[in-house]
Structures are given as structure tokens and as C-alpha cells.
All heavy atoms as atom14 arrays in JSON, in Angstrom:
{
  "sequence": "NLSYSNLQGADLNGADLSSANLSGANLEGAILDGAILEGAMLDSA",
  "atom14_mask": [
    [1, 1, 1, 1, 1, 1, 1, 1, 0, 0, 0, 0, 0, 0],
    [1, 1, 1, 1, 1, 1, 1, 1, 0, 0, 0, 0, 0, 0],
    [1, 1, 1, 1, 1, 1, 0, 0, 0, 0, 0, 0, 0, 0],
    [1, 1, 1, 1, 1, 1, 1, 1, 1, 1, 1, 1, 0, 0],
    [1, 1, 1, 1, 1, 1, 0, 0, 0, 0, 0, 0, 0, 0],
    [1, 1, 1, 1, 1, 1, 1, 1, 0, 0, 0, 0, 0, 0],
    [1, 1, 1, 1, 1, 1, 1, 1, 0, 0, 0, 0, 0, 0],
    [1, 1, 1, 1, 1, 1, 1, 1, 1, 0, 0, 0, 0, 0],
    [1, 1, 1, 1, 0, 0, 0, 0, 0, 0, 0, 0, 0, 0],
    [1, 1, 1, 1, 1, 0, 0, 0, 0, 0, 0, 0, 0, 0],
    [1, 1, 1, 1, 1, 1, 1, 1, 0, 0, 0, 0, 0, 0],
    [1, 1, 1, 1, 1, 1, 1, 1, 0, 0, 0, 0, 0, 0],
    [1, 1, 1, 1, 1, 1, 1, 1, 0, 0, 0, 0, 0, 0],
    [1, 1, 1, 1, 0, 0, 0, 0, 0, 0, 0, 0, 0, 0],
    [1, 1, 1, 1, 1, 0, 0, 0, 0, 0, 0, 0, 0, 0],
    [1, 1, 1, 1, 1, 1, 1, 1, 0, 0, 0, 0, 0, 0],
    [1, 1, 1, 1, 1, 1, 1, 1, 0, 0, 0, 0, 0, 0],
    [1, 1, 1, 1, 1, 1, 0, 0, 0, 0, 0, 0, 0, 0],
    [1, 1, 1, 1, 1, 1, 0, 0, 0, 0, 0, 0, 0, 0],
    [1, 1, 1, 1, 1, 0, 0, 0, 0, 0, 0, 0, 0, 0],
    [1, 1, 1, 1, 1, 1, 1, 1, 0, 0, 0, 0, 0, 0],
    [1, 1, 1, 1, 1, 1, 1, 1, 0, 0, 0, 0, 0, 0],
    [1, 1, 1, 1, 1, 1, 0, 0, 0, 0, 0, 0, 0, 0],
    [1, 1, 1, 1, 0, 0, 0, 0, 0, 0, 0, 0, 0, 0],
    [1, 1, 1, 1, 1, 0, 0, 0, 0, 0, 0, 0, 0, 0],
    [1, 1, 1, 1, 1, 1, 1, 1, 0, 0, 0, 0, 0, 0],
    [1, 1, 1, 1, 1, 1, 1, 1, 0, 0, 0, 0, 0, 0],
    [1, 1, 1, 1, 1, 1, 1, 1, 1, 0, 0, 0, 0, 0],
    [1, 1, 1, 1, 0, 0, 0, 0, 0, 0, 0, 0, 0, 0],
    [1, 1, 1, 1, 1, 0, 0, 0, 0, 0, 0, 0, 0, 0],
    [1, 1, 1, 1, 1, 1, 1, 1, 0, 0, 0, 0, 0, 0],
    [1, 1, 1, 1, 1, 1, 1, 1, 0, 0, 0, 0, 0, 0],
    [1, 1, 1, 1, 1, 1, 1, 1, 0, 0, 0, 0, 0, 0],
    [1, 1, 1, 1, 0, 0, 0, 0, 0, 0, 0, 0, 0, 0],
    [1, 1, 1, 1, 1, 0, 0, 0, 0, 0, 0, 0, 0, 0],
    [1, 1, 1, 1, 1, 1, 1, 1, 0, 0, 0, 0, 0, 0],
    [1, 1, 1, 1, 1, 1, 1, 1, 0, 0, 0, 0, 0, 0],
    [1, 1, 1, 1, 1, 1, 1, 1, 1, 0, 0, 0, 0, 0],
    [1, 1, 1, 1, 0, 0, 0, 0, 0, 0, 0, 0, 0, 0],
    [1, 1, 1, 1, 1, 0, 0, 0, 0, 0, 0, 0, 0, 0],
    [1, 1, 1, 1, 1, 1, 1, 1, 0, 0, 0, 0, 0, 0],
    [1, 1, 1, 1, 1, 1, 1, 1, 0, 0, 0, 0, 0, 0],
    [1, 1, 1, 1, 1, 1, 1, 1, 0, 0, 0, 0, 0, 0],
    [1, 1, 1, 1, 1, 1, 0, 0, 0, 0, 0, 0, 0, 0],
    [1, 1, 1, 1, 1, 0, 0, 0, 0, 0, 0, 0, 0, 0]
  ],
  "atom14_positions": [
    [[-21.08, -5.27, -37.14], [-22.34, -4.56, -37.06], [-22.0, -3.09, -36.74], [-21.65, -2.75, -35.63], [-23.21, -5.13, -35.96], [-24.54, -4.39, -35.84], [-24.83, -3.46, -36.6], [-25.35, -4.8, -34.89], [0.0, 0.0, 0.0], [0.0, 0.0, 0.0], [0.0, 0.0, 0.0], [0.0, 0.0, 0.0], [0.0, 0.0, 0.0], [0.0, 0.0, 0.0]],
    [[-22.13, -2.24, -37.78], [-21.89, -0.8, -37.66], [-23.19, -0.05, -37.95], [-23.15, 1.08, -38.36], [-20.78, -0.4, -38.64], [-19.38, -0.89, -38.26], [-18.51, -0.98, -39.49], [-18.75, -0.04, -37.22], [0.0, 0.0, 0.0], [0.0, 0.0, 0.0], [0.0, 0.0, 0.0], [0.0, 0.0, 0.0], [0.0, 0.0, 0.0], [0.0, 0.0, 0.0]],
    [[-24.32, -0.71, -37.76], [-25.6, -0.07, -38.04], [-25.75, 1.2, -37.2], [-25.39, 1.24, -36.03], [-26.75, -1.02, -37.8], [-26.78, -1.46, -36.45], [0.0, 0.0, 0.0], [0.0, 0.0, 0.0], [0.0, 0.0, 0.0], [0.0, 0.0, 0.0], [0.0, 0.0, 0.0], [0.0, 0.0, 0.0], [0.0, 0.0, 0.0], [0.0, 0.0, 0.0]],
    [[-26.23, 2.24, -37.85], [-26.5, 3.51, -37.25], [-25.23, 4.16, -36.61], [-25.36, 5.03, -35.75], [-27.64, 3.45, -36.26], [-28.9, 2.93, -36.91], [-29.27, 1.6, -36.77], [-29.65, 3.75, -37.75], [-30.38, 1.08, -37.45], [-30.76, 3.27, -38.41], [-31.13, 1.94, -38.23], [-32.21, 1.46, -38.91], [0.0, 0.0, 0.0], [0.0, 0.0, 0.0]],
    [[-24.06, 3.75, -37.04], [-22.83, 4.35, -36.57], [-22.54, 5.61, -37.36], [-22.98, 5.79, -38.49], [-21.66, 3.37, -36.73], [-21.81, 2.29, -35.83], [0.0, 0.0, 0.0], [0.0, 0.0, 0.0], [0.0, 0.0, 0.0], [0.0, 0.0, 0.0], [0.0, 0.0, 0.0], [0.0, 0.0, 0.0], [0.0, 0.0, 0.0], [0.0, 0.0, 0.0]],
    [[-21.75, 6.5, -36.77], [-21.37, 7.74, -37.4], [-19.89, 7.64, -37.8], [-19.02, 7.68, -36.95], [-21.59, 8.94, -36.5], [-21.35, 10.25, -37.23], [-20.83, 10.29, -38.32], [-21.75, 11.35, -36.6], [0.0, 0.0, 0.0], [0.0, 0.0, 0.0], [0.0, 0.0, 0.0], [0.0, 0.0, 0.0], [0.0, 0.0, 0.0], [0.0, 0.0, 0.0]],
    [[-19.67, 7.43, -39.12], [-18.32, 7.3, -39.66], [-18.02, 8.44, -40.59], [-17.26, 8.33, -41.55], [-18.2, 5.96, -40.41], [-18.28, 4.73, -39.52], [-19.06, 3.62, -40.17], [-16.87, 4.24, -39.21], [0.0, 0.0, 0.0], [0.0, 0.0, 0.0], [0.0, 0.0, 0.0], [0.0, 0.0, 0.0], [0.0, 0.0, 0.0], [0.0, 0.0, 0.0]],
    [[-18.64, 9.59, -40.31], [-18.48, 10.77, -41.17], [-17.01, 11.15, -41.26], [-16.3, 11.27, -40.26], [-19.28, 11.94, -40.61], [-19.35, 13.13, -41.52], [-20.32, 14.17, -40.96], [-20.83, 14.05, -39.86], [-20.55, 15.2, -41.77], [0.0, 0.0, 0.0], [0.0, 0.0, 0.0], [0.0, 0.0, 0.0], [0.0, 0.0, 0.0], [0.0, 0.0, 0.0]],
    [[-16.52, 11.27, -42.51], [-15.15, 11.64, -42.75], [-14.11, 10.6, -42.36], [-12.91, 10.91, -42.36], [0.0, 0.0, 0.0], [0.0, 0.0, 0.0], [0.0, 0.0, 0.0], [0.0, 0.0, 0.0], [0.0, 0.0, 0.0], [0.0, 0.0, 0.0], [0.0, 0.0, 0.0], [0.0, 0.0, 0.0], [0.0, 0.0, 0.0], [0.0, 0.0, 0.0]],
    [[-14.53, 9.41, -42.03], [-13.57, 8.37, -41.65], [-12.76, 7.88, -42.85], [-13.21, 7.94, -43.99], [-14.33, 7.18, -41.01], [0.0, 0.0, 0.0], [0.0, 0.0, 0.0], [0.0, 0.0, 0.0], [0.0, 0.0, 0.0], [0.0, 0.0, 0.0], [0.0, 0.0, 0.0], [0.0, 0.0, 0.0], [0.0, 0.0, 0.0], [0.0, 0.0, 0.0]],
    [[-11.54, 7.45, -42.6], [-10.68, 6.9, -43.64], [-10.77, 5.38, -43.56], [-10.24, 4.74, -42.67], [-9.24, 7.34, -43.4], [-8.28, 6.83, -44.49], [-8.68, 5.97, -45.31], [-7.12, 7.31, -44.53], [0.0, 0.0, 0.0], [0.0, 0.0, 0.0], [0.0, 0.0, 0.0], [0.0, 0.0, 0.0], [0.0, 0.0, 0.0], [0.0, 0.0, 0.0]],
    [[-11.51, 4.83, -44.52], [-11.7, 3.36, -44.65], [-11.09, 2.89, -45.94], [-11.52, 1.9, -46.54], [-13.21, 3.05, -44.59], [-13.88, 3.28, -43.23], [-15.33, 3.67, -43.39], [-13.76, 2.06, -42.37], [0.0, 0.0, 0.0], [0.0, 0.0, 0.0], [0.0, 0.0, 0.0], [0.0, 0.0, 0.0], [0.0, 0.0, 0.0], [0.0, 0.0, 0.0]],
    [[-10.06, 3.55, -46.37], [-9.34, 3.23, -47.6], [-8.85, 1.79, -47.56], [-8.12, 1.4, -46.65], [-8.17, 4.19, -47.74], [-7.67, 4.32, -49.16], [-8.33, 3.93, -50.09], [-6.5, 4.91, -49.28], [0.0, 0.0, 0.0], [0.0, 0.0, 0.0], [0.0, 0.0, 0.0], [0.0, 0.0, 0.0], [0.0, 0.0, 0.0], [0.0, 0.0, 0.0]],
    [[-9.33, 0.96, -48.5], [-8.89, -0.42, -48.57], [-9.41, -1.32, -47.47], [-8.94, -2.45, -47.3], [0.0, 0.0, 0.0], [0.0, 0.0, 0.0], [0.0, 0.0, 0.0], [0.0, 0.0, 0.0], [0.0, 0.0, 0.0], [0.0, 0.0, 0.0], [0.0, 0.0, 0.0], [0.0, 0.0, 0.0], [0.0, 0.0, 0.0], [0.0, 0.0, 0.0]],
    [[-10.36, -0.85, -46.66], [-10.89, -1.65, -45.56], [-11.76, -2.8, -46.09], [-12.38, -2.68, -47.14], [-11.7, -0.79, -44.62], [0.0, 0.0, 0.0], [0.0, 0.0, 0.0], [0.0, 0.0, 0.0], [0.0, 0.0, 0.0], [0.0, 0.0, 0.0], [0.0, 0.0, 0.0], [0.0, 0.0, 0.0], [0.0, 0.0, 0.0], [0.0, 0.0, 0.0]],
    [[-11.82, -3.89, -45.35], [-12.68, -5.01, -45.68], [-13.95, -4.91, -44.86], [-13.97, -5.13, -43.65], [-11.99, -6.33, -45.39], [-12.81, -7.57, -45.77], [-13.98, -7.41, -46.18], [-12.28, -8.69, -45.64], [0.0, 0.0, 0.0], [0.0, 0.0, 0.0], [0.0, 0.0, 0.0], [0.0, 0.0, 0.0], [0.0, 0.0, 0.0], [0.0, 0.0, 0.0]],
    [[-15.05, -4.53, -45.54], [-16.35, -4.4, -44.92], [-17.34, -5.4, -45.54], [-18.54, -5.16, -45.56], [-16.87, -2.98, -45.11], [-16.09, -1.9, -44.33], [-16.05, -0.6, -45.08], [-16.7, -1.69, -42.97], [0.0, 0.0, 0.0], [0.0, 0.0, 0.0], [0.0, 0.0, 0.0], [0.0, 0.0, 0.0], [0.0, 0.0, 0.0], [0.0, 0.0, 0.0]],
    [[-16.8, -6.48, -46.04], [-17.67, -7.49, -46.66], [-18.66, -8.05, -45.67], [-18.32, -8.32, -44.53], [-16.84, -8.62, -47.32], [-15.96, -9.19, -46.4], [0.0, 0.0, 0.0], [0.0, 0.0, 0.0], [0.0, 0.0, 0.0], [0.0, 0.0, 0.0], [0.0, 0.0, 0.0], [0.0, 0.0, 0.0], [0.0, 0.0, 0.0], [0.0, 0.0, 0.0]],
    [[-19.92, -8.14, -46.12], [-21.04, -8.63, -45.29], [-21.23, -7.85, -44.01], [-21.87, -8.31, -43.08], [-20.85, -10.12, -45.02], [-20.81, -10.86, -46.2], [0.0, 0.0, 0.0], [0.0, 0.0, 0.0], [0.0, 0.0, 0.0], [0.0, 0.0, 0.0], [0.0, 0.0, 0.0], [0.0, 0.0, 0.0], [0.0, 0.0, 0.0], [0.0, 0.0, 0.0]],
    [[-20.71, -6.63, -43.93], [-20.91, -5.79, -42.75], [-22.3, -5.17, -42.78], [-22.88, -4.93, -43.84], [-19.86, -4.68, -42.68], [0.0, 0.0, 0.0], [0.0, 0.0, 0.0], [0.0, 0.0, 0.0], [0.0, 0.0, 0.0], [0.0, 0.0, 0.0], [0.0, 0.0, 0.0], [0.0, 0.0, 0.0], [0.0, 0.0, 0.0], [0.0, 0.0, 0.0]],
    [[-22.86, -4.88, -41.59], [-24.14, -4.22, -41.48], [-23.88, -2.72, -41.22], [-23.47, -2.36, -40.13], [-24.95, -4.81, -40.33], [-26.34, -4.16, -40.22], [-26.64, -3.19, -40.9], [-27.14, -4.7, -39.33], [0.0, 0.0, 0.0], [0.0, 0.0, 0.0], [0.0, 0.0, 0.0], [0.0, 0.0, 0.0], [0.0, 0.0, 0.0], [0.0, 0.0, 0.0]],
    [[-24.12, -1.91, -42.27], [-23.98, -0.46, -42.18], [-25.33, 0.22, -42.41], [-25.38, 1.36, -42.84], [-22.93, 0.0, -43.21], [-21.5, -0.44, -42.91], [-20.72, -0.63, -44.19], [-20.82, 0.56, -42.01], [0.0, 0.0, 0.0], [0.0, 0.0, 0.0], [0.0, 0.0, 0.0], [0.0, 0.0, 0.0], [0.0, 0.0, 0.0], [0.0, 0.0, 0.0]],
    [[-26.41, -0.47, -42.08], [-27.75, 0.08, -42.27], [-27.88, 1.36, -41.47], [-27.55, 1.41, -40.28], [-28.82, -0.92, -41.81], [-28.74, -2.1, -42.58], [0.0, 0.0, 0.0], [0.0, 0.0, 0.0], [0.0, 0.0, 0.0], [0.0, 0.0, 0.0], [0.0, 0.0, 0.0], [0.0, 0.0, 0.0], [0.0, 0.0, 0.0], [0.0, 0.0, 0.0]],
    [[-28.33, 2.42, -42.12], [-28.56, 3.68, -41.45], [-27.31, 4.4, -40.99], [-27.4, 5.4, -40.28], [0.0, 0.0, 0.0], [0.0, 0.0, 0.0], [0.0, 0.0, 0.0], [0.0, 0.0, 0.0], [0.0, 0.0, 0.0], [0.0, 0.0, 0.0], [0.0, 0.0, 0.0], [0.0, 0.0, 0.0], [0.0, 0.0, 0.0], [0.0, 0.0, 0.0]],
    [[-26.14, 3.93, -41.37], [-24.87, 4.55, -40.95], [-24.64, 5.87, -41.68], [-25.08, 6.06, -42.81], [-23.72, 3.6, -41.18], [0.0, 0.0, 0.0], [0.0, 0.0, 0.0], [0.0, 0.0, 0.0], [0.0, 0.0, 0.0], [0.0, 0.0, 0.0], [0.0, 0.0, 0.0], [0.0, 0.0, 0.0], [0.0, 0.0, 0.0], [0.0, 0.0, 0.0]],
    [[-23.91, 6.78, -41.04], [-23.52, 8.03, -41.65], [-22.08, 7.91, -42.09], [-21.16, 7.9, -41.26], [-23.67, 9.2, -40.65], [-23.3, 10.53, -41.28], [-22.95, 10.63, -42.44], [-23.36, 11.59, -40.47], [0.0, 0.0, 0.0], [0.0, 0.0, 0.0], [0.0, 0.0, 0.0], [0.0, 0.0, 0.0], [0.0, 0.0, 0.0], [0.0, 0.0, 0.0]],
    [[-21.9, 7.82, -43.42], [-20.57, 7.73, -44.01], [-20.31, 8.92, -44.91], [-19.53, 8.87, -45.83], [-20.48, 6.42, -44.84], [-20.47, 5.15, -44.03], [-21.15, 4.03, -44.75], [-19.05, 4.74, -43.66], [0.0, 0.0, 0.0], [0.0, 0.0, 0.0], [0.0, 0.0, 0.0], [0.0, 0.0, 0.0], [0.0, 0.0, 0.0], [0.0, 0.0, 0.0]],
    [[-20.97, 10.04, -44.61], [-20.82, 11.23, -45.42], [-19.35, 11.68, -45.45], [-18.7, 11.8, -44.43], [-21.69, 12.38, -44.9], [-21.63, 13.6, -45.77], [-22.65, 14.66, -45.39], [-23.37, 14.46, -44.39], [-22.71, 15.67, -46.11], [0.0, 0.0, 0.0], [0.0, 0.0, 0.0], [0.0, 0.0, 0.0], [0.0, 0.0, 0.0], [0.0, 0.0, 0.0]],
    [[-18.82, 11.86, -46.68], [-17.46, 12.29, -46.85], [-16.4, 11.26, -46.47], [-15.23, 11.59, -46.42], [0.0, 0.0, 0.0], [0.0, 0.0, 0.0], [0.0, 0.0, 0.0], [0.0, 0.0, 0.0], [0.0, 0.0, 0.0], [0.0, 0.0, 0.0], [0.0, 0.0, 0.0], [0.0, 0.0, 0.0], [0.0, 0.0, 0.0], [0.0, 0.0, 0.0]],
    [[-16.82, 10.04, -46.21], [-15.85, 8.99, -45.83], [-15.02, 8.6, -47.07], [-15.48, 8.69, -48.2], [-16.57, 7.78, -45.28], [0.0, 0.0, 0.0], [0.0, 0.0, 0.0], [0.0, 0.0, 0.0], [0.0, 0.0, 0.0], [0.0, 0.0, 0.0], [0.0, 0.0, 0.0], [0.0, 0.0, 0.0], [0.0, 0.0, 0.0], [0.0, 0.0, 0.0]],
    [[-13.83, 8.12, -46.81], [-12.95, 7.64, -47.88], [-12.97, 6.13, -47.88], [-12.49, 5.5, -46.93], [-11.5, 8.17, -47.68], [-11.5, 9.72, -47.67], [-10.59, 7.65, -48.79], [-10.21, 10.31, -47.15], [0.0, 0.0, 0.0], [0.0, 0.0, 0.0], [0.0, 0.0, 0.0], [0.0, 0.0, 0.0], [0.0, 0.0, 0.0], [0.0, 0.0, 0.0]],
    [[-13.55, 5.57, -48.92], [-13.71, 4.11, -49.04], [-13.05, 3.64, -50.34], [-13.49, 2.64, -50.89], [-15.18, 3.75, -49.0], [-15.87, 3.99, -47.67], [-17.27, 4.54, -47.84], [-15.92, 2.72, -46.83], [0.0, 0.0, 0.0], [0.0, 0.0, 0.0], [0.0, 0.0, 0.0], [0.0, 0.0, 0.0], [0.0, 0.0, 0.0], [0.0, 0.0, 0.0]],
    [[-12.05, 4.35, -50.82], [-11.39, 3.96, -52.07], [-10.84, 2.55, -51.93], [-10.13, 2.24, -50.97], [-10.29, 4.93, -52.42], [-10.8, 6.32, -52.74], [-11.92, 6.45, -53.26], [-10.06, 7.28, -52.47], [0.0, 0.0, 0.0], [0.0, 0.0, 0.0], [0.0, 0.0, 0.0], [0.0, 0.0, 0.0], [0.0, 0.0, 0.0], [0.0, 0.0, 0.0]],
    [[-11.18, 1.69, -52.89], [-10.68, 0.32, -52.86], [-11.21, -0.55, -51.76], [-10.74, -1.66, -51.54], [0.0, 0.0, 0.0], [0.0, 0.0, 0.0], [0.0, 0.0, 0.0], [0.0, 0.0, 0.0], [0.0, 0.0, 0.0], [0.0, 0.0, 0.0], [0.0, 0.0, 0.0], [0.0, 0.0, 0.0], [0.0, 0.0, 0.0], [0.0, 0.0, 0.0]],
    [[-12.22, -0.07, -51.04], [-12.8, -0.85, -49.94], [-13.6, -2.02, -50.48], [-14.14, -1.96, -51.58], [-13.69, 0.03, -49.05], [0.0, 0.0, 0.0], [0.0, 0.0, 0.0], [0.0, 0.0, 0.0], [0.0, 0.0, 0.0], [0.0, 0.0, 0.0], [0.0, 0.0, 0.0], [0.0, 0.0, 0.0], [0.0, 0.0, 0.0], [0.0, 0.0, 0.0]],
    [[-13.64, -3.1, -49.72], [-14.41, -4.28, -50.09], [-15.73, -4.26, -49.31], [-15.72, -4.35, -48.07], [-13.64, -5.55, -49.79], [-12.29, -5.53, -50.54], [-14.45, -6.79, -50.15], [-11.31, -6.59, -50.09], [0.0, 0.0, 0.0], [0.0, 0.0, 0.0], [0.0, 0.0, 0.0], [0.0, 0.0, 0.0], [0.0, 0.0, 0.0], [0.0, 0.0, 0.0]],
    [[-16.84, -4.05, -50.02], [-18.15, -3.97, -49.42], [-19.08, -5.0, -50.02], [-20.29, -4.82, -50.11], [-18.73, -2.56, -49.62], [-17.98, -1.46, -48.84], [-17.85, -0.2, -49.67], [-18.65, -1.15, -47.55], [0.0, 0.0, 0.0], [0.0, 0.0, 0.0], [0.0, 0.0, 0.0], [0.0, 0.0, 0.0], [0.0, 0.0, 0.0], [0.0, 0.0, 0.0]],
    [[-18.52, -6.11, -50.44], [-19.33, -7.18, -51.06], [-20.32, -7.72, -50.08], [-19.99, -8.08, -48.96], [-18.42, -8.29, -51.57], [-17.54, -7.84, -52.73], [-16.67, -8.97, -53.29], [-17.19, -10.07, -53.44], [-15.5, -8.7, -53.58], [0.0, 0.0, 0.0], [0.0, 0.0, 0.0], [0.0, 0.0, 0.0], [0.0, 0.0, 0.0], [0.0, 0.0, 0.0]],
    [[-21.59, -7.72, -50.5], [-22.67, -8.26, -49.64], [-22.97, -7.4, -48.43], [-23.71, -7.83, -47.54], [0.0, 0.0, 0.0], [0.0, 0.0, 0.0], [0.0, 0.0, 0.0], [0.0, 0.0, 0.0], [0.0, 0.0, 0.0], [0.0, 0.0, 0.0], [0.0, 0.0, 0.0], [0.0, 0.0, 0.0], [0.0, 0.0, 0.0], [0.0, 0.0, 0.0]],
    [[-22.43, -6.18, -48.38], [-22.69, -5.29, -47.24], [-24.1, -4.75, -47.27], [-24.68, -4.54, -48.32], [-21.68, -4.15, -47.21], [0.0, 0.0, 0.0], [0.0, 0.0, 0.0], [0.0, 0.0, 0.0], [0.0, 0.0, 0.0], [0.0, 0.0, 0.0], [0.0, 0.0, 0.0], [0.0, 0.0, 0.0], [0.0, 0.0, 0.0], [0.0, 0.0, 0.0]],
    [[-24.65, -4.5, -46.09], [-25.97, -3.9, -45.97], [-25.78, -2.4, -45.7], [-25.29, -2.03, -44.61], [-26.75, -4.56, -44.83], [-27.08, -6.01, -45.15], [-28.01, -6.95, -43.89], [-28.36, -5.83, -42.6], [0.0, 0.0, 0.0], [0.0, 0.0, 0.0], [0.0, 0.0, 0.0], [0.0, 0.0, 0.0], [0.0, 0.0, 0.0], [0.0, 0.0, 0.0]],
    [[-26.12, -1.6, -46.71], [-25.97, -0.16, -46.61], [-27.3, 0.54, -46.86], [-27.35, 1.68, -47.25], [-24.94, 0.32, -47.67], [-23.47, -0.07, -47.39], [-22.73, -0.33, -48.69], [-22.78, 0.97, -46.59], [0.0, 0.0, 0.0], [0.0, 0.0, 0.0], [0.0, 0.0, 0.0], [0.0, 0.0, 0.0], [0.0, 0.0, 0.0], [0.0, 0.0, 0.0]],
    [[-28.4, -0.19, -46.57], [-29.7, 0.39, -46.78], [-29.9, 1.61, -45.88], [-29.52, 1.6, -44.73], [-30.81, -0.65, -46.55], [-30.68, -1.36, -45.22], [-29.68, -2.05, -45.0], [-31.61, -1.22, -44.42], [0.0, 0.0, 0.0], [0.0, 0.0, 0.0], [0.0, 0.0, 0.0], [0.0, 0.0, 0.0], [0.0, 0.0, 0.0], [0.0, 0.0, 0.0]],
    [[-30.4, 2.66, -46.49], [-30.65, 3.95, -45.84], [-29.41, 4.59, -45.26], [-29.51, 5.46, -44.39], [-31.74, 3.78, -44.75], [-32.95, 3.3, -45.3], [0.0, 0.0, 0.0], [0.0, 0.0, 0.0], [0.0, 0.0, 0.0], [0.0, 0.0, 0.0], [0.0, 0.0, 0.0], [0.0, 0.0, 0.0], [0.0, 0.0, 0.0], [0.0, 0.0, 0.0]],
    [[-28.25, 4.21, -45.73], [-27.01, 4.82, -45.26], [-26.76, 6.16, -45.97], [-27.21, 6.36, -47.11], [-25.81, 3.88, -45.52], [0.0, 0.0, 0.0], [0.0, 0.0, 0.0], [0.0, 0.0, 0.0], [0.0, 0.0, 0.0], [0.0, 0.0, 0.0], [0.0, 0.0, 0.0], [0.0, 0.0, 0.0], [0.0, 0.0, 0.0], [0.0, 0.0, 0.0]]
  ]
}
């Protein structure tokens, strides 16, 4: 559960975020190359 978290500019390269809750999270400029976000909740992120 990372809802409403601030991950601005974070390096999540290759991270497994499957089924994670990232609703309302700030991922501006984050690096998510090759990340697994299957079934993740990114509404309003």
C-alpha cells in the first residue's frame, strides 16, 4: 500500500509492484523501466 506516497524521482527500475496500491501517489519523474505493475491501482497517480 503506497497510496498517496511521494516517490518523485525514485528509481523503481525492474521493481515488482504487481497488485500494489499507488492511488494518488506522486511518481513524477520516477524510473520504472521494466517494472511489473500488473493489476496495480494507479488511479489519480
